[in-house]
Amino acid sequence: MANDAKKIRFAPNGSLYIAPAPTGGAGTTLPIAVGDGLTAPVGYKGLGYVDAGGVTLTPSIETQPVEAWQSAVPILYNVTKASFSVKATLQETNEITTELFWGAEWVPVMAGAVATGEYRLNLSSTPTLKEMSLVVDWNQGAIRYRCVIPRAMISDRGAIQLTRTENGKYELTIEALDFNGNLGYVLTNDDILSEGVATLPG
């Protein structure tokens, strides 16, 4: 296939969405279409602005070589671990982003039976890891992509830097969990398959 500069892709626009992870075949309905690039999937909520670094998607496979007496090099590799992570730094301070970052839910502060208008977030010494479903959308004009992770958990959080000249940011790393033998899937309306796909020997 000849070189084609029109096949070079950027991601100038995109969004992150979360919803409760589906359980037992119930709950959140996973999106099966690439979407319009503007609207959240049904049942999902947007996480707002992400910093200029964008979103980092990292599929990873760890392997172990299988060696044999008759060969000085491995004769095959066996998969020992697979993972898929999403890293982003959220810029909006709202209920969803702060609860994700702190790993707890806001509750109203009460004076007897009367709400004071203030809220409290209790940081547990033994926090509970909550599952979520994550969707990452990105597009270049009319060319759209959507990555769907049915089950995921936050595995790491960055530090909040409180300064006079820069807004607060919430750095999160989210790891995919197994969902019926899959980590997730990617949808697109791109024409990358229009010229056929080379098949690797199996």
Protein backbone atom coordinates (compact mmCIF):
# COMPACT_ATOMS: atom_id res chain seq x y z
CA MET A 1 0.00 0.00 0.00
CA ALA A 2 1.35 3.43 -0.98
CA ASN A 3 2.09 6.12 1.60
CA ASP A 4 -0.96 8.33 2.17
CA ALA A 5 -0.74 11.55 4.23
CA LYS A 6 -4.53 11.63 4.36
CA LYS A 7 -4.38 8.62 6.66
CA ILE A 8 -2.52 10.55 9.37
CA ARG A 9 -4.85 11.13 12.29
CA PHE A 10 -5.01 13.72 15.08
CA ALA A 11 -7.38 14.03 18.03
CA PRO A 12 -8.20 17.75 18.34
CA ASN A 13 -11.54 17.05 20.03
CA GLY A 14 -12.84 14.47 22.46
CA SER A 15 -14.68 13.65 25.66
CA LEU A 16 -14.63 11.28 28.61
CA TYR A 17 -17.83 9.76 29.98
CA ILE A 18 -18.53 7.51 32.96
CA ALA A 19 -21.45 5.43 34.20
CA PRO A 20 -21.95 2.67 36.77
CA ALA A 21 -20.41 -0.58 35.57
CA PRO A 22 -22.97 -3.11 34.31
CA THR A 23 -23.52 -6.00 36.71
CA GLY A 24 -25.15 -9.34 36.09
CA GLY A 25 -26.41 -8.31 32.66
CA ALA A 26 -28.30 -5.35 34.17
CA GLY A 27 -27.68 -1.65 34.72
CA THR A 28 -25.73 0.47 32.24
CA THR A 29 -26.29 -0.35 28.56
CA LEU A 30 -22.95 -0.28 26.74
CA PRO A 31 -22.88 1.85 23.57
CA ILE A 32 -22.64 -0.10 20.30
CA ALA A 33 -22.42 2.90 17.92
CA VAL A 34 -19.61 5.42 17.47
CA GLY A 35 -21.94 8.33 18.28
CA ASP A 36 -22.02 11.86 16.87
CA GLY A 37 -18.94 13.15 18.69
CA LEU A 38 -21.04 15.57 20.73
CA THR A 39 -23.60 13.63 22.74
CA ALA A 40 -22.91 11.46 25.77
CA PRO A 41 -23.90 7.79 25.44
CA VAL A 42 -27.23 7.01 27.12
CA GLY A 43 -26.74 6.63 30.87
CA TYR A 44 -23.25 8.20 30.88
CA LYS A 45 -22.11 11.56 32.29
CA GLY A 46 -19.34 13.77 30.87
CA LEU A 47 -16.19 14.59 32.82
CA GLY A 48 -15.76 18.00 31.18
CA TYR A 49 -12.54 19.65 30.10
CA VAL A 50 -9.28 17.66 30.02
CA ASP A 51 -5.95 19.50 30.10
CA ALA A 52 -3.94 20.13 26.93
CA GLY A 53 -2.04 16.86 27.34
CA GLY A 54 -5.18 15.04 26.23
CA VAL A 55 -5.93 11.42 27.05
CA THR A 56 -3.39 8.59 27.04
CA LEU A 57 -4.60 5.10 26.08
CA THR A 58 -2.16 2.30 26.87
CA PRO A 59 -2.89 -1.30 25.86
CA SER A 60 -0.25 -3.59 27.32
CA ILE A 61 0.66 -7.27 27.06
CA GLU A 62 3.30 -9.01 29.15
CA THR A 63 4.74 -12.24 27.81
CA GLN A 64 7.02 -15.03 28.92
CA PRO A 65 9.33 -16.79 26.46
CA VAL A 66 9.07 -20.54 26.02
CA GLU A 67 12.50 -22.03 25.44
CA ALA A 68 13.49 -25.41 24.08
CA TRP A 69 16.62 -27.54 24.12
CA GLN A 70 16.83 -27.50 20.32
CA SER A 71 16.83 -23.72 19.92
CA ALA A 72 18.97 -20.83 21.18
CA VAL A 73 16.00 -18.46 20.83
CA PRO A 74 12.47 -18.77 22.23
CA ILE A 75 10.17 -20.97 20.18
CA LEU A 76 7.08 -18.96 21.18
CA TYR A 77 5.80 -16.47 23.74
CA ASN A 78 3.03 -17.05 26.24
CA VAL A 79 0.83 -14.18 27.45
CA THR A 80 1.14 -13.75 31.22
CA LYS A 81 -0.73 -10.48 31.66
CA ALA A 82 -2.86 -8.07 29.65
CA SER A 83 -4.00 -4.60 30.65
CA PHE A 84 -5.55 -1.44 29.25
CA SER A 85 -5.19 1.90 30.99
CA VAL A 86 -6.58 5.38 30.41
CA LYS A 87 -4.82 8.41 31.87
CA ALA A 88 -6.20 11.95 31.85
CA THR A 89 -6.02 15.13 33.89
CA LEU A 90 -9.46 16.61 34.46
CA GLN A 91 -9.76 20.40 34.71
CA GLU A 92 -13.31 20.99 35.89
CA THR A 93 -14.10 21.08 39.59
CA ASN A 94 -17.55 19.57 39.98
CA GLU A 95 -19.31 16.79 41.88
CA ILE A 96 -18.22 13.98 39.55
CA THR A 97 -14.55 14.95 39.15
CA THR A 98 -13.98 15.60 42.84
CA GLU A 99 -15.69 12.38 43.96
CA LEU A 100 -13.61 10.40 41.45
CA PHE A 101 -10.38 12.03 42.64
CA TRP A 102 -11.01 11.78 46.37
CA GLY A 103 -12.67 8.35 46.16
CA ALA A 104 -15.63 9.35 48.30
CA GLU A 105 -19.05 10.99 48.00
CA TRP A 106 -20.11 14.42 49.18
CA VAL A 107 -22.73 14.47 51.93
CA PRO A 108 -24.61 17.51 53.24
CA VAL A 109 -23.55 18.95 56.59
CA MET A 110 -26.54 19.00 58.90
CA ALA A 111 -27.37 21.12 61.94
CA GLY A 112 -29.84 18.79 63.56
CA ALA A 113 -32.44 18.17 60.85
CA VAL A 114 -31.53 21.30 58.88
CA ALA A 115 -29.03 21.37 56.00
CA THR A 116 -26.40 24.07 56.46
CA GLY A 117 -25.63 24.47 52.75
CA GLU A 118 -22.15 23.04 53.27
CA TYR A 119 -20.88 19.63 52.21
CA ARG A 120 -18.40 17.13 53.61
CA LEU A 121 -16.31 14.43 51.96
CA ASN A 122 -15.06 11.72 54.33
CA LEU A 123 -11.69 10.19 53.42
CA SER A 124 -11.69 6.60 54.67
CA SER A 125 -8.55 4.92 55.96
CA THR A 126 -9.80 1.77 54.20
CA PRO A 127 -11.31 3.17 50.99
CA THR A 128 -13.64 1.14 48.81
CA LEU A 129 -12.66 0.85 45.16
CA LYS A 130 -15.69 1.57 43.01
CA GLU A 131 -16.25 0.11 39.58
CA MET A 132 -17.27 2.26 36.64
CA SER A 133 -17.85 2.04 32.92
CA LEU A 134 -15.74 4.44 30.84
CA VAL A 135 -16.14 5.79 27.31
CA VAL A 136 -13.47 7.83 25.52
CA ASP A 137 -14.55 9.70 22.38
CA TRP A 138 -12.23 11.52 20.00
CA ASN A 139 -12.57 12.87 16.50
CA GLN A 140 -10.91 14.70 13.65
CA GLY A 141 -13.73 16.43 11.82
CA ALA A 142 -16.25 13.79 10.73
CA ILE A 143 -13.86 10.92 11.52
CA ARG A 144 -14.87 9.60 14.92
CA TYR A 145 -13.54 7.01 17.33
CA ARG A 146 -15.04 5.63 20.54
CA CYS A 147 -13.29 3.38 23.08
CA VAL A 148 -15.63 1.58 25.49
CA ILE A 149 -14.37 0.00 28.71
CA PRO A 150 -17.28 -1.85 30.33
CA ARG A 151 -15.63 -2.31 33.75
CA ALA A 152 -12.84 -0.18 35.19
CA MET A 153 -11.35 1.13 38.42
CA ILE A 154 -9.13 4.07 39.30
CA SER A 155 -5.66 2.67 39.95
CA ASP A 156 -3.70 5.88 40.57
CA ARG A 157 -4.18 9.56 41.31
CA GLY A 158 -1.77 12.45 40.84
CA ALA A 159 -1.18 15.31 43.24
CA ILE A 160 -3.30 18.46 43.29
CA GLN A 161 -1.14 21.55 42.86
CA LEU A 162 -2.74 24.57 44.52
CA THR A 163 -1.26 27.75 43.08
CA ARG A 164 -2.26 31.33 42.42
CA THR A 165 -1.74 31.21 38.65
CA GLU A 166 -2.93 27.75 37.57
CA ASN A 167 -6.29 26.04 37.91
CA GLY A 168 -6.78 22.91 40.00
CA LYS A 169 -6.40 19.63 38.10
CA TYR A 170 -7.35 16.04 38.86
CA GLU A 171 -4.97 13.48 37.38
CA LEU A 172 -6.45 9.98 37.15
CA THR A 173 -5.26 6.64 35.82
CA ILE A 174 -8.09 4.21 35.12
CA GLU A 175 -7.48 0.49 34.51
CA ALA A 176 -9.79 -1.85 32.62
CA LEU A 177 -11.15 -4.95 34.35
CA ASP A 178 -12.23 -8.22 32.75
CA PHE A 179 -15.70 -8.20 31.23
CA ASN A 180 -16.71 -11.59 29.85
CA GLY A 181 -13.20 -12.20 28.53
CA ASN A 182 -12.68 -8.69 27.14
CA LEU A 183 -11.05 -5.46 28.32
CA GLY A 184 -13.17 -3.30 26.01
CA TYR A 185 -13.63 -2.39 22.37
CA VAL A 186 -13.10 0.45 19.89
CA LEU A 187 -15.68 1.77 17.41
CA THR A 188 -15.02 4.02 14.40
CA ASN A 189 -16.50 5.31 11.17
CA ASP A 190 -12.99 5.74 9.70
CA ASP A 191 -12.38 4.20 6.27
CA ILE A 192 -9.19 2.41 7.33
CA LEU A 193 -10.55 -0.92 6.13
CA SER A 194 -11.62 0.27 2.68
CA GLU A 195 -8.46 -1.04 1.04
CA GLY A 196 -8.49 -4.38 2.80
CA VAL A 197 -6.54 -5.66 5.77
CA ALA A 198 -3.47 -7.82 5.57
CA THR A 199 -4.01 -11.08 7.41
CA LEU A 200 -1.23 -12.31 9.66
CA PRO A 201 -0.44 -16.00 9.33
CA GLY A 202 -2.05 -17.95 12.12
